[in-house]
Amino acid sequence: MTTLDVRDLTVRFAGLTALDGVSFTVNPGTVHAVIGPNGAGKSTTFNVLSGVYRATSGSVRFGDHELTGLPPHRIAALGVARIFQNLALPPHATLADALMLGRHRLTRAGFLATGLRLPSATREEARHRARVREIADFVGLADKLDHPAASLPYGQQKLAELARALCMEPTLLLLDEPVAGMTADERRRTAAVIAGVRDSLGISIVLVEHDMGVVMRLADSVTVLDFGRRIADGAPTDVQNDPAVVRAYLGEEAAE
């Protein structure tokens, strides 16, 4: 059980400050939402957490590991998985093969052993495929494993992205707008799967999401950003009623 500790995170691009001294803590086995209006700094935060951007200053610690400055593959190797807003499933692979891509960092058999179908490599592949079936079943896609991944309906493709991230066996999951573009039915289903990831698998989750209904149902704690600064941090109900948050979303007149 590992804590994510973000302290005084600052990111500047050519004189523009995208994040200004942002701090928050994600406790093990919880869902922590990072929300805010467009341009608040949510995507920049995720890009620093996953190693896409390098912070100008500040610290991101995941347990005993300092993530600041590590490249994405090193961060992933520490058990941090991310899904992006845009779909990125391989266009011609079956869902089973697409999910197997998530097992890559856990594969021990070498290229030669795999290519020659040596018994050790065959046994390892069988174990990985069994785990893929378990995870597909967990997200409700077990009956789609033989289907081309890119042919699935949009909502199921988003779930497939989540399943592929789970195939990495992460301890921290970064979810970037996981229900964006979904129907109400798909949003409810996906929210239930995300709750199951926390409750059944004990995986910590950092969630960026514009659907406030989903945020309020799922999040154990919320950090609100506006113009790159943290303006609120706490339980969802407390944050929802914070005057600074109301002003950020609705403007001064509506807040009054």
C-alpha atoms as a PDB file:
ATOM      1  CA  MET A   1       0.000   0.000   0.000  1.00  0.00           C
ATOM      2  CA  THR A   2       1.771   3.101  -1.304  1.00  0.00           C
ATOM      3  CA  THR A   3       1.012   6.795  -0.860  1.00  0.00           C
ATOM      4  CA  LEU A   4       1.386   9.321  -3.685  1.00  0.00           C
ATOM      5  CA  ASP A   5       2.668  12.610  -2.291  1.00  0.00           C
ATOM      6  CA  VAL A   6       2.715  15.671  -4.555  1.00  0.00           C
ATOM      7  CA  ARG A   7       4.484  18.675  -3.014  1.00  0.00           C
ATOM      8  CA  ASP A   8       4.831  22.237  -4.340  1.00  0.00           C
ATOM      9  CA  LEU A   9       4.617  21.114  -7.955  1.00  0.00           C
ATOM     10  CA  THR A  10       5.440  23.932 -10.362  1.00  0.00           C
ATOM     11  CA  VAL A  11       5.578  23.701 -14.158  1.00  0.00           C
ATOM     12  CA  ARG A  12       6.539  26.591 -16.444  1.00  0.00           C
ATOM     13  CA  PHE A  13       6.557  26.704 -20.235  1.00  0.00           C
ATOM     14  CA  ALA A  14       8.462  29.628 -21.763  1.00  0.00           C
ATOM     15  CA  GLY A  15       7.396  31.990 -19.014  1.00  0.00           C
ATOM     16  CA  LEU A  16       3.842  30.621 -18.688  1.00  0.00           C
ATOM     17  CA  THR A  17       3.141  29.022 -15.308  1.00  0.00           C
ATOM     18  CA  ALA A  18       0.911  25.990 -15.893  1.00  0.00           C
ATOM     19  CA  LEU A  19       1.141  24.737 -12.284  1.00  0.00           C
ATOM     20  CA  ASP A  20       2.005  26.953  -9.346  1.00  0.00           C
ATOM     21  CA  GLY A  21       3.029  25.183  -6.133  1.00  0.00           C
ATOM     22  CA  VAL A  22       0.342  22.455  -6.258  1.00  0.00           C
ATOM     23  CA  SER A  23       0.275  19.916  -3.399  1.00  0.00           C
ATOM     24  CA  PHE A  24      -1.988  16.963  -2.620  1.00  0.00           C
ATOM     25  CA  THR A  25      -1.781  13.454  -1.203  1.00  0.00           C
ATOM     26  CA  VAL A  26      -3.427  10.289  -2.543  1.00  0.00           C
ATOM     27  CA  ASN A  27      -3.897   7.779   0.244  1.00  0.00           C
ATOM     28  CA  PRO A  28      -3.526   4.067  -0.579  1.00  0.00           C
ATOM     29  CA  GLY A  29      -6.636   2.364  -1.915  1.00  0.00           C
ATOM     30  CA  THR A  30      -8.588   5.594  -2.497  1.00  0.00           C
ATOM     31  CA  VAL A  31      -9.967   7.553  -5.442  1.00  0.00           C
ATOM     32  CA  HIS A  32      -8.578  11.100  -5.553  1.00  0.00           C
ATOM     33  CA  ALA A  33     -10.153  13.420  -8.121  1.00  0.00           C
ATOM     34  CA  VAL A  34      -8.331  16.393  -9.637  1.00  0.00           C
ATOM     35  CA  ILE A  35     -10.922  18.779 -11.062  1.00  0.00           C
ATOM     36  CA  GLY A  36     -11.218  22.344 -12.289  1.00  0.00           C
ATOM     37  CA  PRO A  37     -12.361  24.469 -15.226  1.00  0.00           C
ATOM     38  CA  ASN A  38     -10.737  24.160 -18.636  1.00  0.00           C
ATOM     39  CA  GLY A  39      -7.127  25.331 -18.498  1.00  0.00           C
ATOM     40  CA  ALA A  40      -6.867  24.761 -14.752  1.00  0.00           C
ATOM     41  CA  GLY A  41      -3.795  22.518 -15.007  1.00  0.00           C
ATOM     42  CA  LYS A  42      -5.339  19.059 -14.711  1.00  0.00           C
ATOM     43  CA  SER A  43      -3.702  17.594 -17.834  1.00  0.00           C
ATOM     44  CA  THR A  44      -0.362  19.154 -16.918  1.00  0.00           C
ATOM     45  CA  THR A  45      -0.587  17.472 -13.511  1.00  0.00           C
ATOM     46  CA  PHE A  46      -1.227  14.098 -15.126  1.00  0.00           C
ATOM     47  CA  ASN A  47       1.609  14.597 -17.589  1.00  0.00           C
ATOM     48  CA  VAL A  48       4.024  15.247 -14.725  1.00  0.00           C
ATOM     49  CA  LEU A  49       2.757  12.266 -12.712  1.00  0.00           C
ATOM     50  CA  SER A  50       3.234   9.938 -15.692  1.00  0.00           C
ATOM     51  CA  GLY A  51       6.592  11.377 -16.772  1.00  0.00           C
ATOM     52  CA  VAL A  52       5.462  13.044 -20.006  1.00  0.00           C
ATOM     53  CA  TYR A  53       6.386  16.481 -18.602  1.00  0.00           C
ATOM     54  CA  ARG A  54       9.250  17.357 -16.294  1.00  0.00           C
ATOM     55  CA  ALA A  55       8.393  19.632 -13.360  1.00  0.00           C
ATOM     56  CA  THR A  56      10.230  22.930 -13.033  1.00  0.00           C
ATOM     57  CA  SER A  57      10.308  22.442  -9.276  1.00  0.00           C
ATOM     58  CA  GLY A  58       8.587  20.453  -6.554  1.00  0.00           C
ATOM     59  CA  SER A  59       8.390  16.761  -5.776  1.00  0.00           C
ATOM     60  CA  VAL A  60       6.288  13.725  -6.677  1.00  0.00           C
ATOM     61  CA  ARG A  61       6.951  10.769  -4.390  1.00  0.00           C
ATOM     62  CA  PHE A  62       5.316   7.372  -4.747  1.00  0.00           C
ATOM     63  CA  GLY A  63       6.180   5.502  -1.592  1.00  0.00           C
ATOM     64  CA  ASP A  64       9.979   5.477  -1.378  1.00  0.00           C
ATOM     65  CA  HIS A  65      10.426   6.510  -5.008  1.00  0.00           C
ATOM     66  CA  GLU A  66      10.929  10.016  -6.334  1.00  0.00           C
ATOM     67  CA  LEU A  67       9.083  10.175  -9.668  1.00  0.00           C
ATOM     68  CA  THR A  68      10.075  13.715 -10.620  1.00  0.00           C
ATOM     69  CA  GLY A  69      12.312  13.553 -13.659  1.00  0.00           C
ATOM     70  CA  LEU A  70      11.855   9.827 -14.374  1.00  0.00           C
ATOM     71  CA  PRO A  71      10.874   8.872 -17.947  1.00  0.00           C
ATOM     72  CA  PRO A  72       7.421   7.289 -18.503  1.00  0.00           C
ATOM     73  CA  HIS A  73       8.709   3.698 -18.810  1.00  0.00           C
ATOM     74  CA  ARG A  74      10.526   3.931 -15.455  1.00  0.00           C
ATOM     75  CA  ILE A  75       7.400   5.296 -13.776  1.00  0.00           C
ATOM     76  CA  ALA A  76       5.300   2.518 -15.333  1.00  0.00           C
ATOM     77  CA  ALA A  77       7.793  -0.051 -14.013  1.00  0.00           C
ATOM     78  CA  LEU A  78       7.094   1.246 -10.490  1.00  0.00           C
ATOM     79  CA  GLY A  79       3.426   0.301 -10.857  1.00  0.00           C
ATOM     80  CA  VAL A  80       1.870   3.481 -12.266  1.00  0.00           C
ATOM     81  CA  ALA A  81      -0.514   2.983 -15.209  1.00  0.00           C
ATOM     82  CA  ARG A  82      -2.370   5.661 -17.163  1.00  0.00           C
ATOM     83  CA  ILE A  83      -5.268   5.766 -19.573  1.00  0.00           C
ATOM     84  CA  PHE A  84      -5.592   8.766 -21.876  1.00  0.00           C
ATOM     85  CA  GLN A  85      -8.655  10.666 -23.097  1.00  0.00           C
ATOM     86  CA  ASN A  86      -8.187   9.403 -26.666  1.00  0.00           C
ATOM     87  CA  LEU A  87      -8.555   5.771 -27.647  1.00  0.00           C
ATOM     88  CA  ALA A  88      -5.312   4.030 -28.615  1.00  0.00           C
ATOM     89  CA  LEU A  89      -6.243   0.388 -29.189  1.00  0.00           C
ATOM     90  CA  PRO A  90      -4.339  -1.413 -31.972  1.00  0.00           C
ATOM     91  CA  PRO A  91      -6.655  -1.319 -35.005  1.00  0.00           C
ATOM     92  CA  HIS A  92      -6.309  -4.944 -36.171  1.00  0.00           C
ATOM     93  CA  ALA A  93      -5.653  -6.863 -32.928  1.00  0.00           C
ATOM     94  CA  THR A  94      -8.222  -8.891 -31.066  1.00  0.00           C
ATOM     95  CA  LEU A  95      -9.193  -7.598 -27.649  1.00  0.00           C
ATOM     96  CA  ALA A  96      -7.221 -10.477 -26.083  1.00  0.00           C
ATOM     97  CA  ASP A  97      -4.051  -9.493 -27.937  1.00  0.00           C
ATOM     98  CA  ALA A  98      -4.601  -5.796 -27.154  1.00  0.00           C
ATOM     99  CA  LEU A  99      -4.837  -6.625 -23.456  1.00  0.00           C
ATOM    100  CA  MET A 100      -1.710  -8.789 -23.690  1.00  0.00           C
ATOM    101  CA  LEU A 101       0.202  -5.618 -24.529  1.00  0.00           C
ATOM    102  CA  GLY A 102      -0.445  -4.569 -20.931  1.00  0.00           C
ATOM    103  CA  ARG A 103       1.440  -7.663 -19.735  1.00  0.00           C
ATOM    104  CA  HIS A 104       4.637  -6.627 -21.531  1.00  0.00           C
ATOM    105  CA  ARG A 105       6.440  -5.225 -18.492  1.00  0.00           C
ATOM    106  CA  LEU A 106       5.676  -8.452 -16.578  1.00  0.00           C
ATOM    107  CA  THR A 107       7.016 -10.777 -19.269  1.00  0.00           C
ATOM    108  CA  ARG A 108      10.221 -12.585 -18.317  1.00  0.00           C
ATOM    109  CA  ALA A 109      10.773 -14.865 -21.329  1.00  0.00           C
ATOM    110  CA  GLY A 110      13.279 -13.457 -23.811  1.00  0.00           C
ATOM    111  CA  PHE A 111      12.633 -12.744 -27.480  1.00  0.00           C
ATOM    112  CA  LEU A 112      14.448 -15.896 -28.601  1.00  0.00           C
ATOM    113  CA  ALA A 113      12.618 -18.195 -26.178  1.00  0.00           C
ATOM    114  CA  THR A 114       9.286 -16.729 -27.237  1.00  0.00           C
ATOM    115  CA  GLY A 115      10.094 -16.957 -30.938  1.00  0.00           C
ATOM    116  CA  LEU A 116      11.176 -20.597 -30.612  1.00  0.00           C
ATOM    117  CA  ARG A 117       8.106 -21.410 -28.504  1.00  0.00           C
ATOM    118  CA  LEU A 118      10.255 -22.932 -25.773  1.00  0.00           C
ATOM    119  CA  PRO A 119       8.252 -24.626 -22.975  1.00  0.00           C
ATOM    120  CA  SER A 120       9.082 -21.928 -20.415  1.00  0.00           C
ATOM    121  CA  ALA A 121       7.842 -19.184 -22.766  1.00  0.00           C
ATOM    122  CA  THR A 122       4.708 -21.162 -23.629  1.00  0.00           C
ATOM    123  CA  ARG A 123       3.857 -21.664 -19.952  1.00  0.00           C
ATOM    124  CA  GLU A 124       4.409 -18.002 -19.223  1.00  0.00           C
ATOM    125  CA  GLU A 125       2.171 -16.919 -22.101  1.00  0.00           C
ATOM    126  CA  ALA A 126      -0.563 -19.255 -20.863  1.00  0.00           C
ATOM    127  CA  ARG A 127      -0.384 -17.646 -17.408  1.00  0.00           C
ATOM    128  CA  HIS A 128      -0.594 -14.155 -18.899  1.00  0.00           C
ATOM    129  CA  ARG A 129      -3.550 -15.085 -21.108  1.00  0.00           C
ATOM    130  CA  ALA A 130      -5.370 -16.581 -18.118  1.00  0.00           C
ATOM    131  CA  ARG A 131      -4.867 -13.295 -16.242  1.00  0.00           C
ATOM    132  CA  VAL A 132      -6.108 -11.354 -19.285  1.00  0.00           C
ATOM    133  CA  ARG A 133      -9.316 -13.417 -19.217  1.00  0.00           C
ATOM    134  CA  GLU A 134      -9.785 -12.681 -15.506  1.00  0.00           C
ATOM    135  CA  ILE A 135      -9.376  -8.938 -16.036  1.00  0.00           C
ATOM    136  CA  ALA A 136     -11.661  -8.935 -19.092  1.00  0.00           C
ATOM    137  CA  ASP A 137     -14.267 -10.669 -16.961  1.00  0.00           C
ATOM    138  CA  PHE A 138     -13.768  -8.104 -14.188  1.00  0.00           C
ATOM    139  CA  VAL A 139     -14.604  -5.203 -16.533  1.00  0.00           C
ATOM    140  CA  GLY A 140     -17.401  -7.120 -18.265  1.00  0.00           C
ATOM    141  CA  LEU A 141     -15.695  -7.845 -21.581  1.00  0.00           C
ATOM    142  CA  ALA A 142     -14.936 -11.565 -21.286  1.00  0.00           C
ATOM    143  CA  ASP A 143     -17.257 -12.395 -24.197  1.00  0.00           C
ATOM    144  CA  LYS A 144     -15.436  -9.917 -26.461  1.00  0.00           C
ATOM    145  CA  LEU A 145     -11.906 -11.317 -26.252  1.00  0.00           C
ATOM    146  CA  ASP A 146     -11.975 -12.741 -29.782  1.00  0.00           C
ATOM    147  CA  HIS A 147     -13.440  -9.564 -31.309  1.00  0.00           C
ATOM    148  CA  PRO A 148     -11.259  -6.953 -33.022  1.00  0.00           C
ATOM    149  CA  ALA A 149     -10.641  -4.391 -30.286  1.00  0.00           C
ATOM    150  CA  ALA A 150     -11.225  -1.403 -32.568  1.00  0.00           C
ATOM    151  CA  SER A 151     -14.612  -2.760 -33.690  1.00  0.00           C
ATOM    152  CA  LEU A 152     -16.123  -2.615 -30.198  1.00  0.00           C
ATOM    153  CA  PRO A 153     -18.614   0.148 -29.368  1.00  0.00           C
ATOM    154  CA  TYR A 154     -17.039   3.321 -27.998  1.00  0.00           C
ATOM    155  CA  GLY A 155     -17.978   2.649 -24.372  1.00  0.00           C
ATOM    156  CA  GLN A 156     -16.521  -0.858 -24.533  1.00  0.00           C
ATOM    157  CA  GLN A 157     -13.322   0.459 -26.116  1.00  0.00           C
ATOM    158  CA  LYS A 158     -12.930   2.827 -23.161  1.00  0.00           C
ATOM    159  CA  LEU A 159     -13.397  -0.140 -20.818  1.00  0.00           C
ATOM    160  CA  ALA A 160     -10.845  -2.056 -22.872  1.00  0.00           C
ATOM    161  CA  GLU A 161      -8.331   0.769 -22.301  1.00  0.00           C
ATOM    162  CA  LEU A 162      -9.000   0.471 -18.573  1.00  0.00           C
ATOM    163  CA  ALA A 163      -8.581  -3.313 -18.742  1.00  0.00           C
ATOM    164  CA  ARG A 164      -5.265  -2.968 -20.591  1.00  0.00           C
ATOM    165  CA  ALA A 165      -4.011  -0.639 -17.836  1.00  0.00           C
ATOM    166  CA  LEU A 166      -5.139  -3.177 -15.208  1.00  0.00           C
ATOM    167  CA  CYS A 167      -3.195  -5.873 -17.066  1.00  0.00           C
ATOM    168  CA  MET A 168      -0.047  -4.032 -15.975  1.00  0.00           C
ATOM    169  CA  GLU A 169      -0.961  -4.959 -12.368  1.00  0.00           C
ATOM    170  CA  PRO A 170      -0.581  -1.341 -11.234  1.00  0.00           C
ATOM    171  CA  THR A 171      -0.704  -0.042  -7.679  1.00  0.00           C
ATOM    172  CA  LEU A 172      -1.633   3.446  -8.934  1.00  0.00           C
ATOM    173  CA  LEU A 173      -3.988   4.143 -11.823  1.00  0.00           C
ATOM    174  CA  LEU A 174      -4.221   7.540 -13.556  1.00  0.00           C
ATOM    175  CA  LEU A 175      -7.596   7.902 -15.278  1.00  0.00           C
ATOM    176  CA  ASP A 176      -7.901  10.844 -17.663  1.00  0.00           C
ATOM    177  CA  GLU A 177     -11.615  11.485 -18.320  1.00  0.00           C
ATOM    178  CA  PRO A 178     -12.612   7.798 -18.332  1.00  0.00           C
ATOM    179  CA  VAL A 179     -16.327   8.446 -19.021  1.00  0.00           C
ATOM    180  CA  ALA A 180     -15.964  11.276 -21.566  1.00  0.00           C
ATOM    181  CA  GLY A 181     -18.252  10.838 -24.570  1.00  0.00           C
ATOM    182  CA  MET A 182     -20.218   7.951 -23.037  1.00  0.00           C
ATOM    183  CA  THR A 183     -23.964   7.511 -22.798  1.00  0.00           C
ATOM    184  CA  ALA A 184     -25.559   7.690 -19.336  1.00  0.00           C
ATOM    185  CA  ASP A 185     -25.737   3.886 -19.268  1.00  0.00           C
ATOM    186  CA  GLU A 186     -22.062   3.522 -20.194  1.00  0.00           C
ATOM    187  CA  ARG A 187     -21.051   6.120 -17.582  1.00  0.00           C
ATOM    188  CA  ARG A 188     -22.850   4.212 -14.825  1.00  0.00           C
ATOM    189  CA  ARG A 189     -21.272   0.931 -15.891  1.00  0.00           C
ATOM    190  CA  THR A 190     -17.770   2.387 -16.096  1.00  0.00           C
ATOM    191  CA  ALA A 191     -18.140   4.159 -12.744  1.00  0.00           C
ATOM    192  CA  ALA A 192     -19.118   0.827 -11.182  1.00  0.00           C
ATOM    193  CA  VAL A 193     -15.999  -0.823 -12.646  1.00  0.00           C
ATOM    194  CA  ILE A 194     -13.775   1.991 -11.315  1.00  0.00           C
ATOM    195  CA  ALA A 195     -15.341   1.626  -7.864  1.00  0.00           C
ATOM    196  CA  GLY A 196     -14.597  -2.094  -8.085  1.00  0.00           C
ATOM    197  CA  VAL A 197     -10.957  -1.392  -8.941  1.00  0.00           C
ATOM    198  CA  ARG A 198     -10.645   0.505  -5.674  1.00  0.00           C
ATOM    199  CA  ASP A 199     -12.846  -1.706  -3.491  1.00  0.00           C
ATOM    200  CA  SER A 200     -11.957  -5.167  -4.825  1.00  0.00           C
ATOM    201  CA  LEU A 201      -8.392  -4.702  -6.072  1.00  0.00           C
ATOM    202  CA  GLY A 202      -7.230  -2.021  -3.612  1.00  0.00           C
ATOM    203  CA  ILE A 203      -5.649   0.055  -6.381  1.00  0.00           C
ATOM    204  CA  SER A 204      -5.189   3.780  -5.747  1.00  0.00           C
ATOM    205  CA  ILE A 205      -6.728   6.001  -8.424  1.00  0.00           C
ATOM    206  CA  VAL A 206      -6.130   9.590  -9.501  1.00  0.00           C
ATOM    207  CA  LEU A 207      -9.116  10.710 -11.556  1.00  0.00           C
ATOM    208  CA  VAL A 208      -9.528  13.695 -13.878  1.00  0.00           C
ATOM    209  CA  GLU A 209     -13.154  13.960 -14.933  1.00  0.00           C
ATOM    210  CA  HIS A 210     -15.582  16.704 -15.997  1.00  0.00           C
ATOM    211  CA  ASP A 211     -18.689  14.696 -15.043  1.00  0.00           C
ATOM    212  CA  MET A 212     -19.277  15.988 -11.512  1.00  0.00           C
ATOM    213  CA  GLY A 213     -21.875  13.308 -10.828  1.00  0.00           C
ATOM    214  CA  VAL A 214     -19.236  10.625 -11.395  1.00  0.00           C
ATOM    215  CA  VAL A 215     -16.668  12.563  -9.329  1.00  0.00           C
ATOM    216  CA  MET A 216     -19.024  12.969  -6.376  1.00  0.00           C
ATOM    217  CA  ARG A 217     -20.017   9.284  -6.466  1.00  0.00           C
ATOM    218  CA  LEU A 218     -16.489   7.897  -6.774  1.00  0.00           C
ATOM    219  CA  ALA A 219     -14.028  10.259  -5.122  1.00  0.00           C
ATOM    220  CA  ASP A 220     -12.866   9.851  -1.535  1.00  0.00           C
ATOM    221  CA  SER A 221     -11.079  13.215  -1.782  1.00  0.00           C
ATOM    222  CA  VAL A 222     -10.903  16.038  -4.312  1.00  0.00           C
ATOM    223  CA  THR A 223      -8.305  18.634  -5.285  1.00  0.00           C
ATOM    224  CA  VAL A 224      -9.609  21.631  -7.228  1.00  0.00           C
ATOM    225  CA  LEU A 225      -7.293  23.604  -9.528  1.00  0.00           C
ATOM    226  CA  ASP A 226      -7.879  26.982 -11.131  1.00  0.00           C
ATOM    227  CA  PHE A 227      -5.295  28.758 -13.312  1.00  0.00           C
ATOM    228  CA  GLY A 228      -2.659  26.287 -12.138  1.00  0.00           C
ATOM    229  CA  ARG A 229      -3.209  26.823  -8.423  1.00  0.00           C
ATOM    230  CA  ARG A 230      -4.903  24.668  -5.828  1.00  0.00           C
ATOM    231  CA  ILE A 231      -7.997  26.471  -4.568  1.00  0.00           C
ATOM    232  CA  ALA A 232      -9.578  23.645  -2.547  1.00  0.00           C
ATOM    233  CA  ASP A 233      -8.750  20.193  -1.228  1.00  0.00           C
ATOM    234  CA  GLY A 234     -10.857  17.832   0.869  1.00  0.00           C
ATOM    235  CA  ALA A 235     -13.954  15.627   0.942  1.00  0.00           C
ATOM    236  CA  PRO A 236     -16.254  15.901  -2.115  1.00  0.00           C
ATOM    237  CA  THR A 237     -19.157  17.491  -0.241  1.00  0.00           C
ATOM    238  CA  ASP A 238     -16.900  20.084   1.403  1.00  0.00           C
ATOM    239  CA  VAL A 239     -15.227  20.982  -1.877  1.00  0.00           C
ATOM    240  CA  GLN A 240     -18.543  21.167  -3.725  1.00  0.00           C
ATOM    241  CA  ASN A 241     -19.771  23.895  -1.357  1.00  0.00           C
ATOM    242  CA  ASP A 242     -16.519  25.852  -1.162  1.00  0.00           C
ATOM    243  CA  PRO A 243     -17.153  29.464  -2.308  1.00  0.00           C
ATOM    244  CA  ALA A 244     -13.826  29.573  -4.199  1.00  0.00           C
ATOM    245  CA  VAL A 245     -14.847  26.468  -6.177  1.00  0.00           C
ATOM    246  CA  VAL A 246     -18.287  27.889  -6.968  1.00  0.00           C
ATOM    247  CA  ARG A 247     -16.659  31.101  -8.227  1.00  0.00           C
ATOM    248  CA  ALA A 248     -14.152  29.183 -10.350  1.00  0.00           C
ATOM    249  CA  TYR A 249     -16.888  27.219 -12.106  1.00  0.00           C
ATOM    250  CA  LEU A 250     -19.744  29.734 -12.187  1.00  0.00           C
ATOM    251  CA  GLY A 251     -18.140  33.162 -11.861  1.00  0.00           C
ATOM    252  CA  GLU A 252     -18.522  35.871  -9.249  1.00  0.00           C
ATOM    253  CA  GLU A 253     -22.114  36.838 -10.029  1.00  0.00           C
ATOM    254  CA  ALA A 254     -23.486  33.287  -9.879  1.00  0.00           C
ATOM    255  CA  ALA A 255     -21.575  32.659  -6.648  1.00  0.00           C
ATOM    256  CA  GLU A 256     -23.202  35.728  -5.059  1.00  0.00           C
END
